[in-house]
Amino acid sequence: MHSLIQKQAPTFNLKDSSSEWIDLRSFKGGWLVLFFYPKDDTPGCTKEVCHFRDNYSLIKSMGVSIVGISLDDSASHKKFTAKHNLPFMLLSDPQGIVAEAYGALFKFLCIKLAKRHSFIIDPKGLVRKEYRSVNPLTHSNQIMEDLKVLQSQK
């Protein structure tokens, strides 16, 4: 996969946990952390989303939205969101089309999963940072540090 840095973020229109359609363009004008993860309610994914949840107010205070994407359906996202009190959106990419556009799709035989990849997208819709290797326990902290640097650049 080629780097997406300084390129327009691939567009999408996906359903959230309430089955409402969410378009990437609705985030234009603000910073966005877009993270892909393999599966709702699995150990690593739960740790990752809970760390984002725990840092949510700090990230939000920086003027940044957070959105997670996996191949799980909206009903699964709804349960996962409620179980862990997640304050941010989880979007459903059941065919993996968006994950593939971001180079975040794992395919093996008939199995498809989103890889644990993340992206920081700036207010103009450009990918400013990509993470192709993520530690679920420290990732949200790394995102905050990188956001401080990126937002300080003019």
N, C-alpha and C. Protein backbone atom coordinates (compact mmCIF):
# COMPACT_ATOMS: atom_id res chain seq x y z
N MET A 1 0.85 -1.19 0.00
CA MET A 1 0.00 0.00 0.00
C MET A 1 0.88 1.24 0.00
N HIS A 2 0.58 2.14 -0.89
CA HIS A 2 1.30 3.40 -0.94
C HIS A 2 0.82 4.31 0.19
N SER A 3 1.67 5.19 0.60
CA SER A 3 1.33 6.13 1.65
C SER A 3 0.21 7.07 1.21
N LEU A 4 -0.65 7.40 2.15
CA LEU A 4 -1.72 8.38 1.90
C LEU A 4 -1.35 9.77 2.40
N ILE A 5 -0.16 9.91 2.99
CA ILE A 5 0.26 11.19 3.56
C ILE A 5 0.19 12.29 2.50
N GLN A 6 -0.42 13.40 2.89
CA GLN A 6 -0.61 14.60 2.05
C GLN A 6 -1.53 14.35 0.85
N LYS A 7 -2.28 13.26 0.89
CA LYS A 7 -3.27 12.99 -0.16
C LYS A 7 -4.66 13.17 0.42
N GLN A 8 -5.61 13.44 -0.45
CA GLN A 8 -7.00 13.55 -0.03
C GLN A 8 -7.43 12.21 0.56
N ALA A 9 -8.07 12.26 1.72
CA ALA A 9 -8.54 11.03 2.36
C ALA A 9 -9.61 10.39 1.49
N PRO A 10 -9.53 9.08 1.28
CA PRO A 10 -10.58 8.41 0.50
C PRO A 10 -11.96 8.64 1.13
N THR A 11 -12.91 8.99 0.30
CA THR A 11 -14.25 9.31 0.80
C THR A 11 -15.00 8.05 1.19
N PHE A 12 -16.01 8.24 2.01
CA PHE A 12 -16.89 7.13 2.37
C PHE A 12 -18.24 7.64 2.80
N ASN A 13 -19.20 6.75 2.79
CA ASN A 13 -20.54 6.98 3.28
C ASN A 13 -20.97 5.66 3.91
N LEU A 14 -20.89 5.59 5.25
CA LEU A 14 -21.13 4.34 5.97
C LEU A 14 -22.17 4.54 7.06
N LYS A 15 -22.78 3.44 7.49
CA LYS A 15 -23.77 3.50 8.57
C LYS A 15 -23.10 3.46 9.94
N ASP A 16 -23.67 4.26 10.86
CA ASP A 16 -23.19 4.24 12.24
C ASP A 16 -23.97 3.20 13.05
N SER A 17 -23.81 3.22 14.36
CA SER A 17 -24.46 2.22 15.22
C SER A 17 -25.97 2.38 15.28
N SER A 18 -26.49 3.51 14.80
CA SER A 18 -27.94 3.72 14.72
C SER A 18 -28.46 3.54 13.30
N SER A 19 -27.62 3.01 12.43
CA SER A 19 -27.94 2.80 11.01
C SER A 19 -28.17 4.10 10.25
N GLU A 20 -27.61 5.20 10.76
CA GLU A 20 -27.65 6.48 10.05
C GLU A 20 -26.42 6.57 9.16
N TRP A 21 -26.61 7.14 7.97
CA TRP A 21 -25.49 7.28 7.03
C TRP A 21 -24.60 8.44 7.44
N ILE A 22 -23.29 8.19 7.48
CA ILE A 22 -22.29 9.20 7.83
C ILE A 22 -21.32 9.33 6.67
N ASP A 23 -21.11 10.55 6.22
CA ASP A 23 -20.23 10.83 5.09
C ASP A 23 -18.95 11.49 5.60
N LEU A 24 -17.82 11.10 5.05
CA LEU A 24 -16.55 11.71 5.45
C LEU A 24 -16.60 13.23 5.32
N ARG A 25 -17.30 13.72 4.30
CA ARG A 25 -17.35 15.18 4.07
C ARG A 25 -17.97 15.94 5.24
N SER A 26 -18.74 15.26 6.07
CA SER A 26 -19.36 15.94 7.22
C SER A 26 -18.31 16.34 8.27
N PHE A 27 -17.10 15.82 8.16
CA PHE A 27 -16.03 16.16 9.09
C PHE A 27 -15.09 17.22 8.54
N LYS A 28 -15.27 17.60 7.28
CA LYS A 28 -14.39 18.59 6.66
C LYS A 28 -14.51 19.91 7.43
N GLY A 29 -13.39 20.56 7.61
CA GLY A 29 -13.36 21.80 8.39
C GLY A 29 -12.85 21.56 9.80
N GLY A 30 -12.71 20.30 10.17
CA GLY A 30 -12.18 19.95 11.49
C GLY A 30 -11.21 18.79 11.37
N TRP A 31 -10.44 18.59 12.41
CA TRP A 31 -9.50 17.47 12.45
C TRP A 31 -10.26 16.18 12.74
N LEU A 32 -9.77 15.08 12.20
CA LEU A 32 -10.42 13.78 12.40
C LEU A 32 -9.37 12.70 12.64
N VAL A 33 -9.60 11.90 13.67
CA VAL A 33 -8.84 10.67 13.87
C VAL A 33 -9.74 9.54 13.38
N LEU A 34 -9.29 8.86 12.35
CA LEU A 34 -10.03 7.74 11.77
C LEU A 34 -9.24 6.48 12.06
N PHE A 35 -9.84 5.57 12.84
CA PHE A 35 -9.11 4.35 13.16
C PHE A 35 -9.91 3.12 12.74
N PHE A 36 -9.18 2.19 12.15
CA PHE A 36 -9.75 0.91 11.75
C PHE A 36 -9.34 -0.12 12.79
N TYR A 37 -10.23 -1.05 13.07
CA TYR A 37 -9.93 -2.11 14.04
C TYR A 37 -10.62 -3.40 13.58
N PRO A 38 -10.07 -4.55 13.98
CA PRO A 38 -10.57 -5.82 13.44
C PRO A 38 -11.99 -6.21 13.83
N LYS A 39 -12.34 -6.16 15.12
CA LYS A 39 -13.62 -6.76 15.51
C LYS A 39 -14.10 -6.23 16.85
N ASP A 40 -15.40 -5.93 16.91
CA ASP A 40 -16.02 -5.50 18.16
C ASP A 40 -15.85 -6.56 19.24
N ASP A 41 -15.64 -6.07 20.47
CA ASP A 41 -15.65 -6.91 21.67
C ASP A 41 -14.60 -8.02 21.69
N THR A 42 -13.48 -7.79 21.02
CA THR A 42 -12.34 -8.70 21.14
C THR A 42 -11.31 -8.00 22.03
N PRO A 43 -10.42 -8.74 22.66
CA PRO A 43 -9.54 -8.13 23.67
C PRO A 43 -8.75 -6.90 23.21
N GLY A 44 -8.00 -7.01 22.11
CA GLY A 44 -7.18 -5.88 21.66
C GLY A 44 -8.02 -4.70 21.22
N CYS A 45 -9.11 -4.98 20.53
CA CYS A 45 -9.98 -3.90 20.03
C CYS A 45 -10.68 -3.19 21.18
N THR A 46 -11.10 -3.96 22.18
CA THR A 46 -11.74 -3.36 23.34
C THR A 46 -10.76 -2.45 24.07
N LYS A 47 -9.51 -2.90 24.22
CA LYS A 47 -8.50 -2.05 24.87
C LYS A 47 -8.29 -0.77 24.08
N GLU A 48 -8.19 -0.90 22.77
CA GLU A 48 -7.94 0.29 21.94
C GLU A 48 -9.08 1.30 22.04
N VAL A 49 -10.33 0.84 21.87
CA VAL A 49 -11.44 1.80 21.91
C VAL A 49 -11.62 2.38 23.30
N CYS A 50 -11.35 1.60 24.34
CA CYS A 50 -11.48 2.13 25.70
C CYS A 50 -10.40 3.17 26.00
N HIS A 51 -9.21 3.02 25.43
CA HIS A 51 -8.18 4.06 25.60
C HIS A 51 -8.59 5.33 24.85
N PHE A 52 -9.17 5.19 23.67
CA PHE A 52 -9.70 6.37 22.98
C PHE A 52 -10.82 7.00 23.81
N ARG A 53 -11.68 6.17 24.39
CA ARG A 53 -12.76 6.68 25.25
C ARG A 53 -12.19 7.45 26.43
N ASP A 54 -11.17 6.89 27.07
CA ASP A 54 -10.59 7.52 28.26
C ASP A 54 -9.90 8.84 27.93
N ASN A 55 -9.40 8.98 26.71
CA ASN A 55 -8.75 10.22 26.28
C ASN A 55 -9.66 11.11 25.44
N TYR A 56 -10.92 10.72 25.33
CA TYR A 56 -11.84 11.42 24.44
C TYR A 56 -11.96 12.91 24.75
N SER A 57 -12.14 13.26 26.02
CA SER A 57 -12.34 14.68 26.35
C SER A 57 -11.10 15.51 26.00
N LEU A 58 -9.92 14.95 26.20
CA LEU A 58 -8.69 15.67 25.84
C LEU A 58 -8.58 15.84 24.32
N ILE A 59 -8.87 14.77 23.59
CA ILE A 59 -8.80 14.83 22.13
C ILE A 59 -9.86 15.79 21.60
N LYS A 60 -11.06 15.70 22.14
CA LYS A 60 -12.16 16.58 21.72
C LYS A 60 -11.82 18.04 22.00
N SER A 61 -11.14 18.30 23.14
CA SER A 61 -10.78 19.68 23.48
C SER A 61 -9.77 20.27 22.50
N MET A 62 -9.12 19.40 21.71
CA MET A 62 -8.18 19.85 20.68
C MET A 62 -8.92 20.14 19.37
N GLY A 63 -10.25 20.01 19.39
CA GLY A 63 -11.03 20.24 18.18
C GLY A 63 -10.99 19.08 17.21
N VAL A 64 -10.87 17.87 17.75
CA VAL A 64 -10.70 16.68 16.92
C VAL A 64 -11.86 15.71 17.14
N SER A 65 -12.40 15.19 16.05
CA SER A 65 -13.40 14.13 16.11
C SER A 65 -12.71 12.78 16.00
N ILE A 66 -13.33 11.76 16.58
CA ILE A 66 -12.80 10.40 16.52
C ILE A 66 -13.87 9.51 15.89
N VAL A 67 -13.46 8.68 14.94
CA VAL A 67 -14.37 7.74 14.30
C VAL A 67 -13.65 6.41 14.14
N GLY A 68 -14.30 5.33 14.56
CA GLY A 68 -13.76 3.99 14.37
C GLY A 68 -14.53 3.27 13.28
N ILE A 69 -13.83 2.41 12.54
CA ILE A 69 -14.45 1.63 11.46
C ILE A 69 -13.99 0.18 11.57
N SER A 70 -14.97 -0.72 11.48
CA SER A 70 -14.66 -2.15 11.34
C SER A 70 -15.68 -2.74 10.37
N LEU A 71 -15.54 -4.02 10.09
CA LEU A 71 -16.47 -4.69 9.18
C LEU A 71 -17.70 -5.21 9.90
N ASP A 72 -17.78 -5.00 11.22
CA ASP A 72 -18.96 -5.41 11.98
C ASP A 72 -20.18 -4.61 11.53
N ASP A 73 -21.37 -5.17 11.76
CA ASP A 73 -22.59 -4.46 11.36
C ASP A 73 -23.00 -3.43 12.42
N SER A 74 -23.99 -2.63 12.07
CA SER A 74 -24.44 -1.55 12.96
C SER A 74 -24.95 -2.08 14.30
N ALA A 75 -25.64 -3.22 14.28
CA ALA A 75 -26.17 -3.80 15.53
C ALA A 75 -25.03 -4.19 16.47
N SER A 76 -23.97 -4.75 15.93
CA SER A 76 -22.80 -5.10 16.74
C SER A 76 -22.17 -3.84 17.33
N HIS A 77 -22.05 -2.81 16.50
CA HIS A 77 -21.49 -1.53 16.97
C HIS A 77 -22.35 -0.93 18.09
N LYS A 78 -23.66 -1.05 17.95
CA LYS A 78 -24.56 -0.49 18.95
C LYS A 78 -24.33 -1.15 20.31
N LYS A 79 -24.22 -2.47 20.32
CA LYS A 79 -23.97 -3.21 21.57
C LYS A 79 -22.60 -2.86 22.14
N PHE A 80 -21.60 -2.83 21.28
CA PHE A 80 -20.22 -2.53 21.69
C PHE A 80 -20.13 -1.13 22.28
N THR A 81 -20.77 -0.17 21.62
CA THR A 81 -20.79 1.22 22.08
C THR A 81 -21.45 1.33 23.45
N ALA A 82 -22.60 0.67 23.62
CA ALA A 82 -23.33 0.73 24.88
C ALA A 82 -22.55 0.03 26.01
N LYS A 83 -21.99 -1.12 25.71
CA LYS A 83 -21.27 -1.90 26.72
C LYS A 83 -20.08 -1.13 27.29
N HIS A 84 -19.41 -0.35 26.44
CA HIS A 84 -18.19 0.34 26.87
C HIS A 84 -18.34 1.86 26.95
N ASN A 85 -19.58 2.35 26.87
CA ASN A 85 -19.86 3.80 26.97
C ASN A 85 -18.98 4.62 26.05
N LEU A 86 -18.95 4.26 24.79
CA LEU A 86 -18.10 4.95 23.83
C LEU A 86 -18.76 6.25 23.38
N PRO A 87 -18.05 7.38 23.50
CA PRO A 87 -18.63 8.68 23.15
C PRO A 87 -18.43 9.07 21.68
N PHE A 88 -17.82 8.21 20.90
CA PHE A 88 -17.54 8.53 19.50
C PHE A 88 -18.22 7.49 18.60
N MET A 89 -18.28 7.82 17.32
CA MET A 89 -18.95 6.98 16.33
C MET A 89 -18.13 5.77 15.95
N LEU A 90 -18.85 4.67 15.75
CA LEU A 90 -18.28 3.49 15.11
C LEU A 90 -19.08 3.27 13.83
N LEU A 91 -18.39 3.11 12.72
CA LEU A 91 -19.04 2.95 11.43
C LEU A 91 -18.84 1.53 10.91
N SER A 92 -19.85 1.07 10.18
CA SER A 92 -19.86 -0.28 9.64
C SER A 92 -19.46 -0.30 8.17
N ASP A 93 -18.43 -1.07 7.87
CA ASP A 93 -17.91 -1.24 6.51
C ASP A 93 -17.99 -2.74 6.17
N PRO A 94 -19.21 -3.29 6.03
CA PRO A 94 -19.38 -4.74 5.96
C PRO A 94 -18.66 -5.43 4.80
N GLN A 95 -18.47 -4.75 3.71
CA GLN A 95 -17.78 -5.35 2.56
C GLN A 95 -16.28 -5.05 2.58
N GLY A 96 -15.85 -4.17 3.47
CA GLY A 96 -14.44 -3.82 3.56
C GLY A 96 -13.96 -2.88 2.47
N ILE A 97 -14.88 -2.22 1.79
CA ILE A 97 -14.52 -1.34 0.67
C ILE A 97 -13.72 -0.13 1.15
N VAL A 98 -14.16 0.47 2.25
CA VAL A 98 -13.46 1.65 2.78
C VAL A 98 -12.12 1.22 3.38
N ALA A 99 -12.13 0.13 4.13
CA ALA A 99 -10.87 -0.37 4.69
C ALA A 99 -9.87 -0.63 3.57
N GLU A 100 -10.32 -1.19 2.48
CA GLU A 100 -9.42 -1.45 1.35
C GLU A 100 -8.89 -0.15 0.75
N ALA A 101 -9.73 0.87 0.65
CA ALA A 101 -9.30 2.16 0.10
C ALA A 101 -8.20 2.79 0.95
N TYR A 102 -8.21 2.51 2.25
CA TYR A 102 -7.19 3.03 3.16
C TYR A 102 -6.03 2.06 3.36
N GLY A 103 -6.03 0.95 2.63
CA GLY A 103 -4.97 -0.04 2.80
C GLY A 103 -5.06 -0.75 4.13
N ALA A 104 -6.27 -0.85 4.68
CA ALA A 104 -6.47 -1.41 6.01
C ALA A 104 -7.31 -2.68 5.99
N LEU A 105 -7.31 -3.40 4.87
CA LEU A 105 -8.12 -4.61 4.78
C LEU A 105 -7.22 -5.84 4.76
N PHE A 106 -7.53 -6.78 5.64
CA PHE A 106 -6.85 -8.07 5.67
C PHE A 106 -7.78 -9.10 5.04
N LYS A 107 -7.27 -9.84 4.07
CA LYS A 107 -8.06 -10.89 3.43
C LYS A 107 -7.27 -12.19 3.46
N PHE A 108 -7.93 -13.26 3.89
CA PHE A 108 -7.34 -14.59 3.87
C PHE A 108 -8.45 -15.58 3.58
N LEU A 109 -8.36 -16.22 2.43
CA LEU A 109 -9.42 -17.12 1.96
C LEU A 109 -10.75 -16.35 1.97
N CYS A 110 -11.72 -16.80 2.76
CA CYS A 110 -13.01 -16.08 2.78
C CYS A 110 -13.13 -15.13 3.97
N ILE A 111 -12.04 -14.95 4.71
CA ILE A 111 -12.06 -14.08 5.89
C ILE A 111 -11.61 -12.67 5.51
N LYS A 112 -12.37 -11.69 5.96
CA LYS A 112 -12.00 -10.28 5.79
C LYS A 112 -12.08 -9.61 7.16
N LEU A 113 -11.07 -8.84 7.49
CA LEU A 113 -11.05 -8.04 8.72
C LEU A 113 -10.35 -6.73 8.42
N ALA A 114 -10.71 -5.71 9.17
CA ALA A 114 -9.95 -4.45 9.08
C ALA A 114 -8.67 -4.63 9.87
N LYS A 115 -7.59 -4.12 9.33
CA LYS A 115 -6.32 -4.10 10.06
C LYS A 115 -6.36 -2.95 11.06
N ARG A 116 -5.53 -3.03 12.07
CA ARG A 116 -5.46 -1.98 13.09
C ARG A 116 -4.59 -0.84 12.55
N HIS A 117 -5.19 0.01 11.74
CA HIS A 117 -4.52 1.17 11.14
C HIS A 117 -5.30 2.42 11.52
N SER A 118 -4.60 3.54 11.63
CA SER A 118 -5.25 4.81 11.96
C SER A 118 -4.69 5.93 11.10
N PHE A 119 -5.49 7.00 11.01
CA PHE A 119 -5.14 8.14 10.18
C PHE A 119 -5.58 9.43 10.87
N ILE A 120 -4.73 10.45 10.77
CA ILE A 120 -5.13 11.79 11.19
C ILE A 120 -5.40 12.57 9.91
N ILE A 121 -6.61 13.11 9.83
CA ILE A 121 -7.05 13.86 8.65
C ILE A 121 -7.25 15.31 9.07
N ASP A 122 -6.68 16.22 8.29
CA ASP A 122 -6.75 17.65 8.65
C ASP A 122 -8.05 18.28 8.17
N PRO A 123 -8.30 19.55 8.53
CA PRO A 123 -9.55 20.21 8.16
C PRO A 123 -9.80 20.32 6.66
N LYS A 124 -8.75 20.21 5.85
CA LYS A 124 -8.91 20.25 4.39
C LYS A 124 -9.19 18.88 3.80
N GLY A 125 -9.19 17.85 4.64
CA GLY A 125 -9.44 16.50 4.16
C GLY A 125 -8.20 15.75 3.73
N LEU A 126 -7.02 16.29 4.07
CA LEU A 126 -5.76 15.63 3.72
C LEU A 126 -5.30 14.71 4.85
N VAL A 127 -4.79 13.54 4.48
CA VAL A 127 -4.21 12.64 5.47
C VAL A 127 -2.86 13.23 5.88
N ARG A 128 -2.71 13.52 7.16
CA ARG A 128 -1.47 14.13 7.65
C ARG A 128 -0.57 13.12 8.36
N LYS A 129 -1.16 12.06 8.86
CA LYS A 129 -0.38 11.05 9.58
C LYS A 129 -1.10 9.71 9.41
N GLU A 130 -0.30 8.66 9.21
CA GLU A 130 -0.89 7.32 9.14
C GLU A 130 -0.10 6.39 10.06
N TYR A 131 -0.81 5.46 10.63
CA TYR A 131 -0.22 4.49 11.56
C TYR A 131 -0.54 3.10 11.02
N ARG A 132 0.48 2.40 10.59
CA ARG A 132 0.30 1.06 10.02
C ARG A 132 0.65 -0.04 11.01
N SER A 133 1.18 0.34 12.15
CA SER A 133 1.50 -0.60 13.22
C SER A 133 1.09 0.07 14.53
N VAL A 134 0.09 -0.50 15.18
CA VAL A 134 -0.53 0.17 16.32
C VAL A 134 -0.49 -0.70 17.57
N ASN A 135 -0.09 -0.11 18.69
CA ASN A 135 -0.19 -0.77 19.99
C ASN A 135 -1.48 -0.27 20.63
N PRO A 136 -2.48 -1.14 20.84
CA PRO A 136 -3.77 -0.69 21.36
C PRO A 136 -3.69 0.01 22.72
N LEU A 137 -2.65 -0.28 23.49
CA LEU A 137 -2.54 0.29 24.84
C LEU A 137 -1.97 1.70 24.85
N THR A 138 -1.23 2.09 23.82
CA THR A 138 -0.58 3.40 23.83
C THR A 138 -0.98 4.28 22.65
N HIS A 139 -1.79 3.74 21.77
CA HIS A 139 -2.07 4.43 20.51
C HIS A 139 -2.74 5.79 20.69
N SER A 140 -3.74 5.88 21.55
CA SER A 140 -4.44 7.16 21.70
C SER A 140 -3.50 8.23 22.26
N ASN A 141 -2.55 7.84 23.11
CA ASN A 141 -1.57 8.80 23.63
C ASN A 141 -0.66 9.29 22.51
N GLN A 142 -0.23 8.38 21.64
CA GLN A 142 0.60 8.76 20.50
C GLN A 142 -0.15 9.71 19.57
N ILE A 143 -1.43 9.42 19.35
CA ILE A 143 -2.27 10.28 18.51
C ILE A 143 -2.29 11.70 19.08
N MET A 144 -2.49 11.82 20.40
CA MET A 144 -2.55 13.15 21.01
C MET A 144 -1.24 13.91 20.84
N GLU A 145 -0.13 13.23 21.03
CA GLU A 145 1.18 13.88 20.84
C GLU A 145 1.35 14.35 19.40
N ASP A 146 1.00 13.49 18.46
CA ASP A 146 1.15 13.84 17.04
C ASP A 146 0.19 14.96 16.64
N LEU A 147 -1.00 14.96 17.21
CA LEU A 147 -1.95 16.04 16.92
C LEU A 147 -1.40 17.39 17.37
N LYS A 148 -0.77 17.42 18.54
CA LYS A 148 -0.18 18.68 19.03
C LYS A 148 0.83 19.21 18.03
N VAL A 149 1.68 18.33 17.52
CA VAL A 149 2.70 18.74 16.55
C VAL A 149 2.05 19.20 15.25
N LEU A 150 1.13 18.40 14.73
CA LEU A 150 0.48 18.74 13.45
C LEU A 150 -0.31 20.04 13.53
N GLN A 151 -1.02 20.23 14.64
CA GLN A 151 -1.83 21.44 14.78
C GLN A 151 -0.98 22.68 14.99
N SER A 152 0.25 22.51 15.45
CA SER A 152 1.13 23.67 15.65
C SER A 152 1.80 24.10 14.34
N GLN A 153 1.79 23.24 13.34
CA GLN A 153 2.38 23.57 12.04
C GLN A 153 1.39 24.40 11.24
N LYS A 154 1.87 25.44 10.62
CA LYS A 154 0.98 26.30 9.82
C LYS A 154 1.23 26.08 8.36
